[in-house]
Amino acid sequence: MESLRQSQYVSSDLEPVRSCHYRTVSGLDFTHSAMGGRMIQVVDANDDSRVKSAGLIDLSLLPRVGYRGKGVESFLSSQGIAVPNKPNRAAISPDGELVLRLSLTEFWVLGSLKDLGRSVMELPRQHTQTPASCYPLFCEDSHACFVLTGEHIANVMAKLCAVNLREDAFPVGHIAQTSVARTSCIVVRHQVEGVPCFMLLSDATAGEYMLGILLDALTEYQGGLCGTACLI
């Protein structure tokens, strides 16, 4: 953690866009997401090896949006978004957006690194822009988002979570709404560019705590923080 330097996220319109844990994440090379948040693009020359073994990428400032209500499924379909057919499942769009179905009537759409979340930013975000029985949720503000990557992710999560998250019991596309390091967390088994991943969405106010816990759990496997360029 001592090697990580403080940085400030600044959007294109000069308004600050920061995660709750911005003081503990930084990098020499960065990129701005579609919402203006500064995300680490490269940490160092070992990013590629870490991401394949035991990496951690902070995507808290990558755009995402949620919706709740009986009309959400038809609304998302009208936007050209394919949705999972049952709760606690995830689907990925051709452009890389991850669609989570957290219940019969609650869906989240997570932005893709391919366009830094621009497609998600174009989705309606106000009550006046959505049909009846379809209400926007501000999961972008309520949750931090981290991605664990590499061959050791199941062993890392076994230290932190009582649920069996090994691939034979928890395959790609499955979601667990559970406790990770005694913090409520949404865990999604995912895969990006052939790299196995867990997408972790936890309460934003616990973001700094979760970041420290995950980095500590990775040390056994010589893992650590990586930049977004590894998954593009």
C-alpha atoms as a PDB file:
ATOM      1  CA  MET A   1       0.000   0.000   0.000  1.00  0.00           C
ATOM      2  CA  GLU A   2       2.900   2.380   0.734  1.00  0.00           C
ATOM      3  CA  SER A   3       3.941   2.295  -2.912  1.00  0.00           C
ATOM      4  CA  LEU A   4       0.577   3.628  -4.045  1.00  0.00           C
ATOM      5  CA  ARG A   5       0.491   7.385  -4.378  1.00  0.00           C
ATOM      6  CA  GLN A   6      -2.385   9.759  -3.823  1.00  0.00           C
ATOM      7  CA  SER A   7      -4.153  11.031  -6.925  1.00  0.00           C
ATOM      8  CA  GLN A   8      -7.120  13.237  -7.719  1.00  0.00           C
ATOM      9  CA  TYR A   9      -9.766  12.260 -10.248  1.00  0.00           C
ATOM     10  CA  VAL A  10     -10.870  15.185 -12.393  1.00  0.00           C
ATOM     11  CA  SER A  11     -13.581  15.058 -15.048  1.00  0.00           C
ATOM     12  CA  SER A  12     -13.436  16.802 -18.381  1.00  0.00           C
ATOM     13  CA  ASP A  13     -15.662  19.609 -17.078  1.00  0.00           C
ATOM     14  CA  LEU A  14     -13.252  20.184 -14.150  1.00  0.00           C
ATOM     15  CA  GLU A  15     -15.645  18.825 -11.523  1.00  0.00           C
ATOM     16  CA  PRO A  16     -13.923  16.271  -9.257  1.00  0.00           C
ATOM     17  CA  VAL A  17     -14.991  12.663  -9.776  1.00  0.00           C
ATOM     18  CA  ARG A  18     -13.549  10.474  -7.032  1.00  0.00           C
ATOM     19  CA  SER A  19     -14.067   7.068  -5.518  1.00  0.00           C
ATOM     20  CA  CYS A  20     -14.350   6.814  -1.751  1.00  0.00           C
ATOM     21  CA  HIS A  21     -10.897   5.214  -1.678  1.00  0.00           C
ATOM     22  CA  TYR A  22      -9.125   7.551  -4.120  1.00  0.00           C
ATOM     23  CA  ARG A  23      -6.405   8.397  -1.596  1.00  0.00           C
ATOM     24  CA  THR A  24      -5.011   4.874  -1.702  1.00  0.00           C
ATOM     25  CA  VAL A  25      -5.022   4.187  -5.450  1.00  0.00           C
ATOM     26  CA  SER A  26      -2.879   5.839  -8.044  1.00  0.00           C
ATOM     27  CA  GLY A  27      -0.675   5.076 -11.025  1.00  0.00           C
ATOM     28  CA  LEU A  28       1.869   6.690 -13.273  1.00  0.00           C
ATOM     29  CA  ASP A  29      -0.329   6.083 -16.303  1.00  0.00           C
ATOM     30  CA  PHE A  30      -4.083   6.634 -16.237  1.00  0.00           C
ATOM     31  CA  THR A  31      -7.167   7.057 -18.377  1.00  0.00           C
ATOM     32  CA  HIS A  32     -10.498   8.806 -17.844  1.00  0.00           C
ATOM     33  CA  SER A  33     -13.716   6.825 -17.967  1.00  0.00           C
ATOM     34  CA  ALA A  34     -16.778   8.163 -19.788  1.00  0.00           C
ATOM     35  CA  MET A  35     -18.001   9.732 -16.537  1.00  0.00           C
ATOM     36  CA  GLY A  36     -14.693  11.554 -16.124  1.00  0.00           C
ATOM     37  CA  GLY A  37     -13.259   9.464 -13.310  1.00  0.00           C
ATOM     38  CA  ARG A  38      -9.553   8.796 -13.371  1.00  0.00           C
ATOM     39  CA  MET A  39      -8.788   5.058 -13.529  1.00  0.00           C
ATOM     40  CA  ILE A  40      -5.397   3.414 -13.373  1.00  0.00           C
ATOM     41  CA  GLN A  41      -4.357   2.257 -16.830  1.00  0.00           C
ATOM     42  CA  VAL A  42      -0.893   0.874 -16.022  1.00  0.00           C
ATOM     43  CA  VAL A  43       0.789   0.259 -12.660  1.00  0.00           C
ATOM     44  CA  ASP A  44       4.136  -1.102 -13.881  1.00  0.00           C
ATOM     45  CA  ALA A  45       5.753  -3.550 -16.283  1.00  0.00           C
ATOM     46  CA  ASN A  46       4.525  -6.542 -14.266  1.00  0.00           C
ATOM     47  CA  ASP A  47       0.828  -5.825 -14.819  1.00  0.00           C
ATOM     48  CA  ASP A  48       0.380  -8.560 -17.426  1.00  0.00           C
ATOM     49  CA  SER A  49       1.901 -11.284 -15.266  1.00  0.00           C
ATOM     50  CA  ARG A  50      -0.045 -10.204 -12.162  1.00  0.00           C
ATOM     51  CA  VAL A  51      -3.371 -10.112 -13.982  1.00  0.00           C
ATOM     52  CA  LYS A  52      -2.907 -13.727 -15.117  1.00  0.00           C
ATOM     53  CA  SER A  53      -1.916 -14.918 -11.651  1.00  0.00           C
ATOM     54  CA  ALA A  54      -3.516 -12.764  -8.949  1.00  0.00           C
ATOM     55  CA  GLY A  55      -4.454  -9.247  -9.951  1.00  0.00           C
ATOM     56  CA  LEU A  56      -6.775  -6.552  -8.640  1.00  0.00           C
ATOM     57  CA  ILE A  57      -8.252  -3.830 -10.844  1.00  0.00           C
ATOM     58  CA  ASP A  58     -10.278  -0.919  -9.488  1.00  0.00           C
ATOM     59  CA  LEU A  59     -13.291  -0.189 -11.705  1.00  0.00           C
ATOM     60  CA  SER A  60     -15.216   1.911  -9.198  1.00  0.00           C
ATOM     61  CA  LEU A  61     -15.291   4.850 -11.609  1.00  0.00           C
ATOM     62  CA  LEU A  62     -16.360   2.871 -14.673  1.00  0.00           C
ATOM     63  CA  PRO A  63     -19.978   3.855 -15.471  1.00  0.00           C
ATOM     64  CA  ARG A  64     -22.848   1.578 -14.479  1.00  0.00           C
ATOM     65  CA  VAL A  65     -26.567   1.993 -13.935  1.00  0.00           C
ATOM     66  CA  GLY A  66     -29.308  -0.039 -12.301  1.00  0.00           C
ATOM     67  CA  TYR A  67     -33.078  -0.343 -12.743  1.00  0.00           C
ATOM     68  CA  ARG A  68     -35.847  -1.834 -10.611  1.00  0.00           C
ATOM     69  CA  GLY A  69     -39.476  -2.586 -11.373  1.00  0.00           C
ATOM     70  CA  LYS A  70     -41.807  -4.890 -13.272  1.00  0.00           C
ATOM     71  CA  GLY A  71     -41.124  -3.073 -16.533  1.00  0.00           C
ATOM     72  CA  VAL A  72     -37.325  -3.286 -16.475  1.00  0.00           C
ATOM     73  CA  GLU A  73     -36.929  -6.412 -18.569  1.00  0.00           C
ATOM     74  CA  SER A  74     -38.960  -5.034 -21.480  1.00  0.00           C
ATOM     75  CA  PHE A  75     -37.292  -1.631 -21.105  1.00  0.00           C
ATOM     76  CA  LEU A  76     -33.783  -3.087 -21.374  1.00  0.00           C
ATOM     77  CA  SER A  77     -34.852  -5.229 -24.317  1.00  0.00           C
ATOM     78  CA  SER A  78     -36.073  -2.061 -26.043  1.00  0.00           C
ATOM     79  CA  GLN A  79     -32.583  -0.645 -25.554  1.00  0.00           C
ATOM     80  CA  GLY A  80     -31.081  -3.646 -27.335  1.00  0.00           C
ATOM     81  CA  ILE A  81     -29.749  -5.209 -24.126  1.00  0.00           C
ATOM     82  CA  ALA A  82     -30.103  -8.967 -23.690  1.00  0.00           C
ATOM     83  CA  VAL A  83     -30.959  -9.847 -20.096  1.00  0.00           C
ATOM     84  CA  PRO A  84     -30.390 -13.054 -18.089  1.00  0.00           C
ATOM     85  CA  ASN A  85     -33.499 -15.246 -17.848  1.00  0.00           C
ATOM     86  CA  LYS A  86     -33.384 -15.738 -14.062  1.00  0.00           C
ATOM     87  CA  PRO A  87     -32.088 -14.004 -10.917  1.00  0.00           C
ATOM     88  CA  ASN A  88     -28.466 -14.233  -9.799  1.00  0.00           C
ATOM     89  CA  ARG A  89     -27.215 -14.630 -13.331  1.00  0.00           C
ATOM     90  CA  ALA A  90     -25.087 -12.364 -15.500  1.00  0.00           C
ATOM     91  CA  ALA A  91     -24.835 -11.925 -19.259  1.00  0.00           C
ATOM     92  CA  ILE A  92     -22.275 -10.090 -21.342  1.00  0.00           C
ATOM     93  CA  SER A  93     -23.090  -8.013 -24.394  1.00  0.00           C
ATOM     94  CA  PRO A  94     -21.055  -8.199 -27.630  1.00  0.00           C
ATOM     95  CA  ASP A  95     -19.493  -4.851 -26.680  1.00  0.00           C
ATOM     96  CA  GLY A  96     -18.470  -6.028 -23.224  1.00  0.00           C
ATOM     97  CA  GLU A  97     -21.187  -4.583 -20.971  1.00  0.00           C
ATOM     98  CA  LEU A  98     -22.029  -6.904 -18.087  1.00  0.00           C
ATOM     99  CA  VAL A  99     -25.747  -7.234 -17.302  1.00  0.00           C
ATOM    100  CA  LEU A 100     -26.602  -8.472 -13.806  1.00  0.00           C
ATOM    101  CA  ARG A 101     -30.014  -9.795 -12.805  1.00  0.00           C
ATOM    102  CA  LEU A 102     -30.089  -9.502  -9.017  1.00  0.00           C
ATOM    103  CA  SER A 103     -33.769 -10.408  -8.574  1.00  0.00           C
ATOM    104  CA  LEU A 104     -36.874 -10.869 -10.689  1.00  0.00           C
ATOM    105  CA  THR A 105     -37.192  -7.091 -11.063  1.00  0.00           C
ATOM    106  CA  GLU A 106     -33.704  -5.626 -10.421  1.00  0.00           C
ATOM    107  CA  PHE A 107     -30.992  -5.334 -13.073  1.00  0.00           C
ATOM    108  CA  TRP A 108     -27.622  -3.577 -13.200  1.00  0.00           C
ATOM    109  CA  VAL A 109     -25.677  -2.763 -16.368  1.00  0.00           C
ATOM    110  CA  LEU A 110     -21.914  -2.374 -15.913  1.00  0.00           C
ATOM    111  CA  GLY A 111     -19.880  -0.466 -18.460  1.00  0.00           C
ATOM    112  CA  SER A 112     -17.306  -2.013 -20.776  1.00  0.00           C
ATOM    113  CA  LEU A 113     -13.607  -1.158 -20.768  1.00  0.00           C
ATOM    114  CA  LYS A 114     -13.722  -1.259 -24.564  1.00  0.00           C
ATOM    115  CA  ASP A 115     -15.482   2.113 -24.678  1.00  0.00           C
ATOM    116  CA  LEU A 116     -14.760   3.163 -21.065  1.00  0.00           C
ATOM    117  CA  GLY A 117     -18.467   2.982 -20.292  1.00  0.00           C
ATOM    118  CA  ARG A 118     -19.742   5.372 -22.986  1.00  0.00           C
ATOM    119  CA  SER A 119     -22.626   3.084 -24.027  1.00  0.00           C
ATOM    120  CA  VAL A 120     -23.834   2.815 -20.438  1.00  0.00           C
ATOM    121  CA  MET A 121     -23.648   6.590 -20.004  1.00  0.00           C
ATOM    122  CA  GLU A 122     -26.112   6.905 -22.903  1.00  0.00           C
ATOM    123  CA  LEU A 123     -28.781   4.853 -21.110  1.00  0.00           C
ATOM    124  CA  PRO A 124     -31.619   6.798 -19.409  1.00  0.00           C
ATOM    125  CA  ARG A 125     -30.756   7.713 -15.822  1.00  0.00           C
ATOM    126  CA  GLN A 126     -33.686   9.855 -14.694  1.00  0.00           C
ATOM    127  CA  HIS A 127     -37.177   8.801 -13.602  1.00  0.00           C
ATOM    128  CA  THR A 128     -38.624  11.053 -16.287  1.00  0.00           C
ATOM    129  CA  GLN A 129     -36.716   9.128 -18.976  1.00  0.00           C
ATOM    130  CA  THR A 130     -37.883   5.624 -18.062  1.00  0.00           C
ATOM    131  CA  PRO A 131     -41.339   4.059 -18.526  1.00  0.00           C
ATOM    132  CA  ALA A 132     -43.757   3.252 -15.727  1.00  0.00           C
ATOM    133  CA  SER A 133     -42.662   0.429 -13.417  1.00  0.00           C
ATOM    134  CA  CYS A 134     -38.997   1.023 -14.271  1.00  0.00           C
ATOM    135  CA  TYR A 135     -37.012   3.113 -11.794  1.00  0.00           C
ATOM    136  CA  PRO A 136     -33.302   4.040 -12.074  1.00  0.00           C
ATOM    137  CA  LEU A 137     -30.951   2.982  -9.283  1.00  0.00           C
ATOM    138  CA  PHE A 138     -27.786   4.904  -8.572  1.00  0.00           C
ATOM    139  CA  CYS A 139     -25.490   1.906  -8.061  1.00  0.00           C
ATOM    140  CA  GLU A 140     -22.705   3.993  -9.581  1.00  0.00           C
ATOM    141  CA  ASP A 141     -22.682   6.062  -6.386  1.00  0.00           C
ATOM    142  CA  SER A 142     -23.661   3.404  -3.856  1.00  0.00           C
ATOM    143  CA  HIS A 143     -21.072   0.718  -4.666  1.00  0.00           C
ATOM    144  CA  ALA A 144     -17.345   0.327  -5.195  1.00  0.00           C
ATOM    145  CA  CYS A 145     -16.301  -2.102  -7.927  1.00  0.00           C
ATOM    146  CA  PHE A 146     -13.183  -4.265  -7.971  1.00  0.00           C
ATOM    147  CA  VAL A 147     -12.105  -7.100 -10.265  1.00  0.00           C
ATOM    148  CA  LEU A 148     -10.028 -10.014  -9.017  1.00  0.00           C
ATOM    149  CA  THR A 149      -8.237 -11.740 -11.884  1.00  0.00           C
ATOM    150  CA  GLY A 150      -6.062 -14.751 -12.556  1.00  0.00           C
ATOM    151  CA  GLU A 151      -5.659 -18.431 -11.816  1.00  0.00           C
ATOM    152  CA  HIS A 152      -5.617 -18.020  -8.020  1.00  0.00           C
ATOM    153  CA  ILE A 153      -8.827 -16.036  -7.550  1.00  0.00           C
ATOM    154  CA  ALA A 154     -10.806 -18.926  -6.051  1.00  0.00           C
ATOM    155  CA  ASN A 155      -8.081 -19.502  -3.440  1.00  0.00           C
ATOM    156  CA  VAL A 156      -7.994 -15.797  -2.655  1.00  0.00           C
ATOM    157  CA  MET A 157     -11.755 -15.651  -2.168  1.00  0.00           C
ATOM    158  CA  ALA A 158     -11.695 -18.797  -0.012  1.00  0.00           C
ATOM    159  CA  LYS A 159      -9.891 -16.697   2.602  1.00  0.00           C
ATOM    160  CA  LEU A 160     -12.630 -14.069   2.608  1.00  0.00           C
ATOM    161  CA  CYS A 161     -15.942 -15.740   1.788  1.00  0.00           C
ATOM    162  CA  ALA A 162     -17.728 -18.837   3.129  1.00  0.00           C
ATOM    163  CA  VAL A 163     -19.423 -19.560  -0.216  1.00  0.00           C
ATOM    164  CA  ASN A 164     -17.745 -22.103  -2.500  1.00  0.00           C
ATOM    165  CA  LEU A 165     -16.713 -19.961  -5.468  1.00  0.00           C
ATOM    166  CA  ARG A 166     -14.647 -22.547  -7.299  1.00  0.00           C
ATOM    167  CA  GLU A 167     -15.540 -22.855 -10.962  1.00  0.00           C
ATOM    168  CA  ASP A 168     -17.146 -26.292 -10.726  1.00  0.00           C
ATOM    169  CA  ALA A 169     -19.654 -24.961  -8.162  1.00  0.00           C
ATOM    170  CA  PHE A 170     -19.817 -21.351  -9.347  1.00  0.00           C
ATOM    171  CA  PRO A 171     -19.356 -21.141 -13.138  1.00  0.00           C
ATOM    172  CA  VAL A 172     -19.117 -18.115 -15.406  1.00  0.00           C
ATOM    173  CA  GLY A 173     -22.302 -16.063 -15.347  1.00  0.00           C
ATOM    174  CA  HIS A 174     -23.310 -16.914 -11.783  1.00  0.00           C
ATOM    175  CA  ILE A 175     -23.862 -14.291  -9.076  1.00  0.00           C
ATOM    176  CA  ALA A 176     -23.600 -14.643  -5.296  1.00  0.00           C
ATOM    177  CA  GLN A 177     -25.022 -11.934  -3.041  1.00  0.00           C
ATOM    178  CA  THR A 178     -23.085 -12.731   0.081  1.00  0.00           C
ATOM    179  CA  SER A 179     -20.572 -11.545   2.676  1.00  0.00           C
ATOM    180  CA  VAL A 180     -16.925 -10.953   1.795  1.00  0.00           C
ATOM    181  CA  ALA A 181     -14.619 -10.078   4.672  1.00  0.00           C
ATOM    182  CA  ARG A 182     -17.778  -9.444   6.750  1.00  0.00           C
ATOM    183  CA  THR A 183     -19.030  -6.884   4.233  1.00  0.00           C
ATOM    184  CA  SER A 184     -22.105  -7.294   2.000  1.00  0.00           C
ATOM    185  CA  CYS A 185     -20.906  -7.911  -1.526  1.00  0.00           C
ATOM    186  CA  ILE A 186     -22.150  -8.923  -4.964  1.00  0.00           C
ATOM    187  CA  VAL A 187     -19.755 -11.471  -6.495  1.00  0.00           C
ATOM    188  CA  VAL A 188     -19.953 -12.244 -10.227  1.00  0.00           C
ATOM    189  CA  ARG A 189     -17.962 -15.009 -11.928  1.00  0.00           C
ATOM    190  CA  HIS A 190     -16.767 -13.447 -15.152  1.00  0.00           C
ATOM    191  CA  GLN A 191     -14.148 -13.802 -17.857  1.00  0.00           C
ATOM    192  CA  VAL A 192     -12.448 -11.038 -19.853  1.00  0.00           C
ATOM    193  CA  GLU A 193     -10.131 -11.748 -22.785  1.00  0.00           C
ATOM    194  CA  GLY A 194      -9.809 -15.321 -21.544  1.00  0.00           C
ATOM    195  CA  VAL A 195      -8.744 -14.231 -18.047  1.00  0.00           C
ATOM    196  CA  PRO A 196     -10.901 -15.618 -15.185  1.00  0.00           C
ATOM    197  CA  CYS A 197     -12.365 -12.854 -13.021  1.00  0.00           C
ATOM    198  CA  PHE A 198     -14.534 -12.131 -10.032  1.00  0.00           C
ATOM    199  CA  MET A 199     -16.387  -8.826 -10.221  1.00  0.00           C
ATOM    200  CA  LEU A 200     -16.898  -7.578  -6.658  1.00  0.00           C
ATOM    201  CA  LEU A 201     -19.414  -4.830  -5.870  1.00  0.00           C
ATOM    202  CA  SER A 202     -19.448  -3.676  -2.254  1.00  0.00           C
ATOM    203  CA  ASP A 203     -20.817  -0.698  -0.378  1.00  0.00           C
ATOM    204  CA  ALA A 204     -18.893   2.396  -1.451  1.00  0.00           C
ATOM    205  CA  THR A 205     -18.289   3.463   2.128  1.00  0.00           C
ATOM    206  CA  ALA A 206     -16.385   0.206   2.666  1.00  0.00           C
ATOM    207  CA  GLY A 207     -14.355   0.620  -0.518  1.00  0.00           C
ATOM    208  CA  GLU A 208     -11.096   1.553   1.173  1.00  0.00           C
ATOM    209  CA  TYR A 209     -11.456  -1.312   3.652  1.00  0.00           C
ATOM    210  CA  MET A 210     -12.234  -3.797   0.868  1.00  0.00           C
ATOM    211  CA  LEU A 211      -9.295  -2.588  -1.213  1.00  0.00           C
ATOM    212  CA  GLY A 212      -6.889  -3.193   1.663  1.00  0.00           C
ATOM    213  CA  ILE A 213      -8.343  -6.622   2.455  1.00  0.00           C
ATOM    214  CA  LEU A 214      -8.099  -7.770  -1.162  1.00  0.00           C
ATOM    215  CA  LEU A 215      -4.537  -6.532  -1.597  1.00  0.00           C
ATOM    216  CA  ASP A 216      -3.509  -8.302   1.583  1.00  0.00           C
ATOM    217  CA  ALA A 217      -5.138 -11.560   0.433  1.00  0.00           C
ATOM    218  CA  LEU A 218      -3.236 -11.372  -2.863  1.00  0.00           C
ATOM    219  CA  THR A 219       0.223 -11.139  -1.314  1.00  0.00           C
ATOM    220  CA  GLU A 220       0.456 -14.922  -0.792  1.00  0.00           C
ATOM    221  CA  TYR A 221       0.351 -15.304  -4.583  1.00  0.00           C
ATOM    222  CA  GLN A 222       2.698 -12.375  -5.333  1.00  0.00           C
ATOM    223  CA  GLY A 223      -0.310 -10.511  -6.675  1.00  0.00           C
ATOM    224  CA  GLY A 224      -1.372  -6.915  -6.465  1.00  0.00           C
ATOM    225  CA  LEU A 225      -2.894  -3.908  -8.147  1.00  0.00           C
ATOM    226  CA  CYS A 226      -3.030  -3.822 -11.965  1.00  0.00           C
ATOM    227  CA  GLY A 227      -4.160  -1.280 -14.528  1.00  0.00           C
ATOM    228  CA  THR A 228      -7.146  -1.504 -16.849  1.00  0.00           C
ATOM    229  CA  ALA A 229      -4.938  -1.962 -19.942  1.00  0.00           C
ATOM    230  CA  CYS A 230      -4.445  -5.627 -18.983  1.00  0.00           C
ATOM    231  CA  LEU A 231      -8.065  -6.442 -19.819  1.00  0.00           C
ATOM    232  CA  ILE A 232      -8.459  -4.500 -23.064  1.00  0.00           C
END
